[in-house]
C-alpha cells in the first residue's frame, strides 16, 4: 500500500520544473490530462482534414465510440503508471520494460499491465464496431 500512496502523492504534486505552471501550483495530473486531450484533438483535427470522403464517416464514428474512448483512457493511465515507475527508479525504454517484467508484485506495475491489456481489448472492440458500422 505504500507504493500506491507514493503514486497518489506523485500524481497530485507539481512536476518539479520551475516554470509558470509549477508556480501556480497546478498538479501533475491536470497538466498531463490537458496535454493528452489536446494532443489527441490536434491529431484528430489534422487527420479529418485529409481523409477521403468515403472514409470520413468512419473517422467521425471513432470520435464518439465509447470503446475507442475508453481505450484512450486506459492508454493514458498506463502511460501515467509507466511515468511514475520511470521517474521513481530512474528507468526508461528497455530498462523500464525489463524492470516491469521482474517486479510483478509492485501494484503500480500490475496496474500498468492491466490498463494496457484493457486498452488493447477496448481498441479492438471499438475498431470492430467502427468497421461494422461504416460497412
Protein backbone atom coordinates (compact mmCIF):
# COMPACT_ATOMS: atom_id res chain seq x y z
CA UNK A 1 0.00 0.00 0.00
CA UNK A 2 2.95 2.30 0.48
CA UNK A 3 3.61 2.21 -3.28
CA UNK A 4 0.02 3.29 -4.02
CA UNK A 5 0.35 6.13 -1.51
CA UNK A 6 3.57 7.27 -3.22
CA UNK A 7 1.82 7.10 -6.59
CA UNK A 8 -1.07 9.21 -5.31
CA UNK A 9 1.31 11.81 -3.87
CA UNK A 10 3.27 11.85 -7.13
CA UNK A 11 0.08 12.50 -9.15
CA UNK A 12 -1.01 15.44 -7.03
CA UNK A 13 2.35 17.21 -6.75
CA UNK A 14 3.86 19.55 -9.28
CA UNK A 15 6.40 18.18 -11.70
CA UNK A 16 9.37 19.92 -10.11
CA UNK A 17 10.47 22.03 -13.07
CA UNK A 18 10.47 25.75 -12.32
CA UNK A 19 8.06 27.39 -14.76
CA UNK A 20 4.77 29.27 -14.81
CA UNK A 21 2.60 26.21 -14.20
CA UNK A 22 4.53 24.98 -11.16
CA UNK A 23 4.48 28.45 -9.60
CA UNK A 24 0.68 28.36 -9.90
CA UNK A 25 0.65 25.04 -8.04
CA UNK A 26 -1.13 23.07 -10.77
CA UNK A 27 -0.80 19.32 -10.06
CA UNK A 28 0.94 17.00 -12.48
CA UNK A 29 -2.23 15.02 -13.25
CA UNK A 30 -4.11 18.08 -14.56
CA UNK A 31 -1.21 19.10 -16.80
CA UNK A 32 -0.97 15.56 -18.19
CA UNK A 33 -4.72 15.32 -18.82
CA UNK A 34 -4.82 18.67 -20.63
CA UNK A 35 -1.78 17.76 -22.74
CA UNK A 36 -3.25 14.32 -23.51
CA UNK A 37 -6.65 15.65 -24.62
CA UNK A 38 -5.06 18.45 -26.63
CA UNK A 39 -2.68 16.00 -28.34
CA UNK A 40 -5.48 13.67 -29.45
CA UNK A 41 -7.72 16.55 -30.52
CA UNK A 42 -4.97 18.04 -32.70
CA UNK A 43 -4.21 14.61 -34.20
CA UNK A 44 -7.89 14.03 -34.95
CA UNK A 45 -8.37 17.54 -36.39
CA UNK A 46 -5.36 17.17 -38.69
CA UNK A 47 -6.40 13.69 -39.77
CA UNK A 48 -10.01 14.58 -40.56
CA UNK A 49 -8.87 17.32 -42.96
CA UNK A 50 -7.04 14.89 -45.24
CA UNK A 51 -9.34 11.85 -45.13
CA UNK A 52 -11.13 10.99 -48.37
CA UNK A 53 -14.89 11.43 -48.38
CA UNK A 54 -15.62 7.69 -48.27
CA UNK A 55 -13.61 7.18 -45.08
CA UNK A 56 -14.63 10.39 -43.34
CA UNK A 57 -17.70 8.75 -41.80
CA UNK A 58 -15.57 6.02 -40.16
CA UNK A 59 -13.28 8.65 -38.65
CA UNK A 60 -16.31 10.57 -37.39
CA UNK A 61 -17.63 7.41 -35.72
CA UNK A 62 -14.34 6.95 -33.86
CA UNK A 63 -14.78 10.32 -32.22
CA UNK A 64 -17.79 9.20 -30.16
CA UNK A 65 -17.19 5.47 -29.89
CA UNK A 66 -17.22 4.61 -26.16
CA UNK A 67 -14.90 1.62 -26.60
CA UNK A 68 -12.34 3.65 -28.51
CA UNK A 69 -12.53 6.50 -25.99
CA UNK A 70 -12.14 4.09 -23.06
CA UNK A 71 -9.09 2.60 -24.82
CA UNK A 72 -7.57 6.08 -24.86
CA UNK A 73 -8.29 6.46 -21.13
CA UNK A 74 -6.62 3.12 -20.37
CA UNK A 75 -3.65 4.10 -22.53
CA UNK A 76 -3.36 7.35 -20.58
CA UNK A 77 -3.49 5.56 -17.24
CA UNK A 78 -0.87 3.01 -18.36
CA UNK A 79 1.38 5.84 -19.50
CA UNK A 80 0.99 7.65 -16.18
CA UNK A 81 1.90 4.45 -14.31
CA UNK A 82 4.96 3.99 -16.53
CA UNK A 83 5.93 7.62 -15.95
CA UNK A 84 5.79 7.13 -12.20
CA UNK A 85 7.91 3.97 -12.35
CA UNK A 86 10.41 5.60 -14.71
CA UNK A 87 10.83 8.65 -12.51
CA UNK A 88 10.94 6.77 -9.20
CA UNK A 89 13.51 4.19 -10.28
CA UNK A 90 15.37 6.21 -12.94
CA UNK A 91 14.43 3.86 -15.79
CA UNK A 92 13.49 4.41 -19.41
CA UNK A 93 12.98 2.44 -22.61
CA UNK A 94 14.07 -1.18 -22.49
CA UNK A 95 15.33 -0.83 -18.94
CA UNK A 96 11.81 0.06 -17.83
CA UNK A 97 10.33 -2.94 -19.66
CA UNK A 98 12.88 -5.35 -18.15
CA UNK A 99 12.28 -3.94 -14.67
CA UNK A 100 8.50 -4.23 -15.05
CA UNK A 101 8.75 -7.89 -16.12
CA UNK A 102 10.70 -8.75 -12.97
CA UNK A 103 8.56 -6.85 -10.45
CA UNK A 104 5.00 -8.15 -10.78
CA UNK A 105 4.42 -7.77 -7.03
CA UNK A 106 4.58 -3.99 -7.37
CA UNK A 107 0.93 -2.79 -7.56
CA UNK A 108 1.78 0.05 -9.96
CA UNK A 109 3.35 -2.43 -12.38
CA UNK A 110 0.24 -4.58 -12.16
CA UNK A 111 -1.99 -1.55 -12.78
CA UNK A 112 0.15 -0.60 -15.76
CA UNK A 113 -0.01 -4.05 -17.38
CA UNK A 114 -3.74 -4.44 -16.70
CA UNK A 115 -4.57 -1.00 -18.08
CA UNK A 116 -2.51 -1.59 -21.23
CA UNK A 117 -4.16 -5.01 -21.75
CA UNK A 118 -7.59 -3.43 -21.32
CA UNK A 119 -6.56 -0.72 -23.77
CA UNK A 120 -5.83 -3.32 -26.46
CA UNK A 121 -9.13 -5.12 -25.82
CA UNK A 122 -11.20 -1.91 -25.90
CA UNK A 123 -9.40 -0.64 -29.01
CA UNK A 124 -10.07 -3.92 -30.79
CA UNK A 125 -13.76 -3.87 -29.88
CA UNK A 126 -14.02 -0.19 -30.85
CA UNK A 127 -12.30 -0.68 -34.18
CA UNK A 128 -14.51 -3.66 -34.99
CA UNK A 129 -17.60 -1.66 -34.09
CA UNK A 130 -16.47 1.28 -36.25
CA UNK A 131 -15.70 -1.08 -39.14
CA UNK A 132 -19.08 -2.80 -38.92
CA UNK A 133 -20.95 0.49 -38.63
CA UNK A 134 -19.25 2.02 -41.67
CA UNK A 135 -19.55 -1.00 -43.96
